[in-house]
């Protein structure tokens, strides 16, 4: 059996664009049996912005619902809990993904997806240890070793190092950015650009994705094809 091709995904766990991209990658691997494994990199927006990602920004990007319309099957509901329970930081969530990675990339990928759906579809506070541990156990992580790694902060520096690598060494364009084994970066994942309208509070400006509108998986098929060893020779 061929070894899966690693593709690095630099992304924030609370990024709606990364959520849709992760959903499409999961569809691709299910429908096309694409031979790839995702290496999740901790591209913390709070590191570069020096503040949490504001809840109203995420709600506008998702609830309009522009991005959800791109993938009607994606798990999603607006935040159901009190605003005081909104997760103020993604750092612990990044750490648990890195702790899971010590067991396998596949478990890390499963936990990454569980965390994203917990935030965007289940209104769970993914800053909290007990929530993250519940998600980790649910995806099949060996909890004894995992708890020791997390509680000792074994992967805390790795989260910082990956954020610095993405923002300061690779200078990625944003979340998500895919980095192929060749080093090529791909940030255009076929989604519209959505920004707050500075002239009309509560409104947004939507710029369609560049190029012809196509199957949402097509960009990811091209990413996988470019990552193949034969395309790098």
Protein backbone atom coordinates (compact mmCIF):
# COMPACT_ATOMS: atom_id res chain seq x y z
CA UNK A 1 0.00 0.00 0.00
CA UNK A 2 1.41 3.40 -0.99
CA UNK A 3 2.43 5.73 1.78
CA UNK A 4 0.06 8.73 2.06
CA UNK A 5 1.40 12.02 0.76
CA UNK A 6 1.85 14.65 3.50
CA UNK A 7 0.37 18.10 2.87
CA UNK A 8 0.84 20.78 5.50
CA UNK A 9 -2.23 22.86 6.32
CA UNK A 10 -1.38 26.12 8.07
CA UNK A 11 -4.66 27.25 9.59
CA UNK A 12 -6.41 28.69 12.61
CA UNK A 13 -8.89 26.42 14.36
CA UNK A 14 -11.52 29.17 14.47
CA UNK A 15 -11.11 30.16 10.81
CA UNK A 16 -14.31 29.65 8.78
CA UNK A 17 -12.33 29.35 5.54
CA UNK A 18 -10.22 26.60 7.08
CA UNK A 19 -13.38 24.87 8.31
CA UNK A 20 -14.84 24.70 4.80
CA UNK A 21 -11.45 23.64 3.39
CA UNK A 22 -11.09 20.86 5.97
CA UNK A 23 -14.62 19.69 5.12
CA UNK A 24 -13.78 19.55 1.42
CA UNK A 25 -10.59 17.64 2.07
CA UNK A 26 -12.53 15.07 4.06
CA UNK A 27 -15.02 14.75 1.20
CA UNK A 28 -12.18 14.34 -1.26
CA UNK A 29 -10.56 11.56 0.71
CA UNK A 30 -13.91 9.79 1.04
CA UNK A 31 -15.12 10.20 -2.53
CA UNK A 32 -11.82 9.97 -4.43
CA UNK A 33 -9.85 7.97 -1.84
CA UNK A 34 -7.14 10.59 -2.21
CA UNK A 35 -3.85 9.21 -0.78
CA UNK A 36 -3.00 12.21 1.41
CA UNK A 37 -2.44 12.86 5.07
CA UNK A 38 -2.83 16.36 6.46
CA UNK A 39 -0.16 17.77 8.76
CA UNK A 40 -2.02 20.39 10.77
CA UNK A 41 0.11 23.45 11.52
CA UNK A 42 -0.83 25.89 14.28
CA UNK A 43 -1.29 29.13 12.36
CA UNK A 44 -2.68 31.04 15.32
CA UNK A 45 -4.40 34.26 14.27
CA UNK A 46 -4.22 35.46 17.88
CA UNK A 47 -0.42 35.30 17.62
CA UNK A 48 -0.19 37.62 14.62
CA UNK A 49 -3.18 39.83 15.54
CA UNK A 50 -2.30 40.03 19.24
CA UNK A 51 -5.97 39.67 20.12
CA UNK A 52 -8.69 37.02 19.97
CA UNK A 53 -10.63 36.70 16.74
CA UNK A 54 -13.80 38.72 17.45
CA UNK A 55 -16.98 36.66 17.67
CA UNK A 56 -18.98 39.11 15.47
CA UNK A 57 -16.45 38.67 12.64
CA UNK A 58 -16.80 34.89 12.68
CA UNK A 59 -20.57 35.11 12.91
CA UNK A 60 -20.76 37.47 9.92
CA UNK A 61 -18.45 35.27 7.86
CA UNK A 62 -20.55 32.19 8.61
CA UNK A 63 -24.10 33.31 9.36
CA UNK A 64 -24.76 35.38 6.26
CA UNK A 65 -24.39 32.47 5.34
CA UNK A 66 -22.02 32.96 2.44
CA UNK A 67 -19.52 30.23 3.17
CA UNK A 68 -22.12 27.74 4.31
CA UNK A 69 -23.88 28.14 0.97
CA UNK A 70 -20.67 26.92 -0.67
CA UNK A 71 -21.07 23.57 1.12
CA UNK A 72 -24.70 22.99 2.19
CA UNK A 73 -23.82 19.68 3.87
CA UNK A 74 -21.27 21.14 6.29
CA UNK A 75 -22.22 20.82 9.98
CA UNK A 76 -23.16 24.27 11.25
CA UNK A 77 -25.43 26.21 13.56
CA UNK A 78 -25.09 29.72 15.00
CA UNK A 79 -23.61 30.00 18.50
CA UNK A 80 -26.26 28.81 20.98
CA UNK A 81 -24.63 29.49 24.33
CA UNK A 82 -24.15 32.74 26.26
CA UNK A 83 -21.52 35.04 24.79
CA UNK A 84 -19.54 34.62 28.03
CA UNK A 85 -18.87 31.01 27.01
CA UNK A 86 -17.36 31.91 23.62
CA UNK A 87 -13.76 30.57 23.51
CA UNK A 88 -11.39 33.50 23.96
CA UNK A 89 -8.28 31.57 22.87
CA UNK A 90 -7.48 28.68 20.55
CA UNK A 91 -4.10 27.94 22.16
CA UNK A 92 -5.19 24.93 24.27
CA UNK A 93 -6.98 23.50 21.23
CA UNK A 94 -3.82 23.84 19.14
CA UNK A 95 -1.92 22.06 21.91
CA UNK A 96 -4.23 19.05 22.03
CA UNK A 97 -3.93 18.59 18.26
CA UNK A 98 -0.15 18.55 18.64
CA UNK A 99 -0.42 16.07 21.53
CA UNK A 100 -2.60 13.84 19.36
CA UNK A 101 0.00 14.10 16.60
CA UNK A 102 2.48 12.39 18.93
CA UNK A 103 0.27 9.32 18.57
CA UNK A 104 -0.46 9.62 14.83
CA UNK A 105 -1.19 12.15 12.10
CA UNK A 106 -4.50 10.42 11.50
CA UNK A 107 -5.61 10.92 15.11
CA UNK A 108 -4.48 14.54 14.97
CA UNK A 109 -6.56 15.04 11.82
CA UNK A 110 -9.61 13.44 13.44
CA UNK A 111 -9.24 15.63 16.52
CA UNK A 112 -8.71 18.77 14.44
CA UNK A 113 -12.02 18.14 12.68
CA UNK A 114 -13.79 17.31 15.95
CA UNK A 115 -12.62 20.61 17.44
CA UNK A 116 -13.78 22.62 14.43
CA UNK A 117 -17.24 21.01 14.42
CA UNK A 118 -17.49 21.42 18.21
CA UNK A 119 -17.08 25.18 17.73
CA UNK A 120 -19.08 25.77 14.55
CA UNK A 121 -21.80 23.13 14.88
CA UNK A 122 -22.11 22.30 18.58
CA UNK A 123 -21.42 25.64 20.35
CA UNK A 124 -18.81 24.13 22.68
CA UNK A 125 -16.13 26.20 24.38
CA UNK A 126 -12.99 24.73 22.89
CA UNK A 127 -10.75 26.72 25.22
CA UNK A 128 -11.70 24.39 28.09
CA UNK A 129 -9.63 21.36 29.08
CA UNK A 130 -12.62 19.10 29.82
CA UNK A 131 -14.19 19.84 26.43
CA UNK A 132 -10.95 19.13 24.59
CA UNK A 133 -10.38 15.93 26.55
CA UNK A 134 -13.92 14.74 25.79
CA UNK A 135 -13.36 15.33 22.08
CA UNK A 136 -9.98 13.60 22.22
CA UNK A 137 -11.38 10.50 23.89
CA UNK A 138 -14.22 10.39 21.39
CA UNK A 139 -11.85 10.15 18.39
CA UNK A 140 -9.94 7.26 19.95
CA UNK A 141 -6.84 8.86 21.45
CA UNK A 142 -5.01 6.93 24.16
CA UNK A 143 -5.85 9.22 27.03
CA UNK A 144 -3.20 8.27 29.59
CA UNK A 145 -0.24 9.39 27.51
CA UNK A 146 -2.27 12.23 25.99
CA UNK A 147 -3.25 13.72 29.36
CA UNK A 148 0.33 13.58 30.59
CA UNK A 149 1.62 15.30 27.44
CA UNK A 150 -1.00 18.04 27.61
CA UNK A 151 -0.83 18.70 31.34
CA UNK A 152 2.96 18.91 31.27
CA UNK A 153 2.85 21.34 28.33
CA UNK A 154 4.99 19.06 26.17
CA UNK A 155 3.74 20.58 22.90
CA UNK A 156 3.21 24.17 24.03
CA UNK A 157 6.40 25.41 22.38
CA UNK A 158 5.57 23.50 19.18
CA UNK A 159 2.39 25.56 18.80
CA UNK A 160 4.39 28.76 19.13
CA UNK A 161 7.09 27.51 16.76
CA UNK A 162 4.56 26.65 14.05
CA UNK A 163 2.83 30.02 14.34
CA UNK A 164 6.18 31.75 14.00
CA UNK A 165 7.19 29.52 11.09
CA UNK A 166 3.98 30.22 9.20
CA UNK A 167 3.74 33.96 9.77
CA UNK A 168 7.40 34.97 10.01
CA UNK A 169 9.47 32.50 8.01
CA UNK A 170 7.12 31.25 5.29
CA UNK A 171 5.09 34.49 5.23
CA UNK A 172 1.90 32.60 4.35
CA UNK A 173 -0.91 34.69 2.88
CA UNK A 174 -3.39 33.68 5.56
CA UNK A 175 -5.54 30.87 6.95
CA UNK A 176 -5.68 28.37 5.41
CA UNK A 177 -2.49 27.98 3.40
CA UNK A 178 -1.45 24.59 2.08
CA UNK A 179 2.26 23.88 1.72
CA UNK A 180 3.19 21.03 -0.61
CA UNK A 181 6.28 18.81 -0.23
CA UNK A 182 7.91 20.96 -2.94
CA UNK A 183 7.47 24.04 -0.75
CA UNK A 184 4.81 25.55 -3.00
CA UNK A 185 2.14 27.49 -1.11
CA UNK A 186 -1.55 27.51 -2.09
CA UNK A 187 -3.88 29.95 -0.35
CA UNK A 188 -6.62 30.36 -2.94
CA UNK A 189 -9.02 27.56 -2.00
CA UNK A 190 -11.90 28.67 -4.22
CA UNK A 191 -13.94 30.54 -1.63
CA UNK A 192 -15.30 34.09 -1.80
CA UNK A 193 -13.53 36.85 0.09
CA UNK A 194 -15.74 38.30 2.81
CA UNK A 195 -14.85 41.49 4.68
CA UNK A 196 -16.73 43.89 6.93
CA UNK A 197 -18.17 46.88 5.08
CA UNK A 198 -16.51 49.93 6.69
CA UNK A 199 -19.36 52.16 5.53
CA UNK A 200 -22.27 50.02 6.74
CA UNK A 201 -21.86 48.44 10.19
CA UNK A 202 -23.23 44.92 10.28
CA UNK A 203 -22.86 44.47 6.53
CA UNK A 204 -20.18 42.69 4.53
CA UNK A 205 -18.59 42.97 1.13
CA UNK A 206 -18.33 39.73 -0.84
CA UNK A 207 -15.82 39.22 -3.63
CA UNK A 208 -16.29 35.97 -5.58
CA UNK A 209 -13.37 33.58 -5.75
CA UNK A 210 -11.10 34.24 -8.75
CA UNK A 211 -11.49 32.12 -11.83
CA UNK A 212 -14.48 30.14 -13.12
CA UNK A 213 -16.81 28.64 -10.52
CA UNK A 214 -16.24 24.92 -10.42
CA UNK A 215 -16.69 21.83 -8.29
CA UNK A 216 -15.55 22.76 -4.79
CA UNK A 217 -13.29 19.72 -4.69
CA UNK A 218 -11.46 20.51 -7.94
CA UNK A 219 -8.90 22.83 -6.34
CA UNK A 220 -8.10 20.17 -3.78
CA UNK A 221 -7.75 17.52 -6.48
CA UNK A 222 -5.17 19.77 -8.12
CA UNK A 223 -3.40 20.24 -4.79
CA UNK A 224 -3.20 16.47 -4.33
CA UNK A 225 -2.00 16.00 -7.92
CA UNK A 226 0.75 18.60 -7.46
CA UNK A 227 1.85 16.91 -4.25
CA UNK A 228 2.41 13.58 -6.03
CA UNK A 229 6.12 12.62 -6.31
CA UNK A 230 5.85 12.32 -10.13
CA UNK A 231 4.80 15.98 -10.43
CA UNK A 232 7.89 17.13 -8.51
CA UNK A 233 10.47 15.42 -10.72
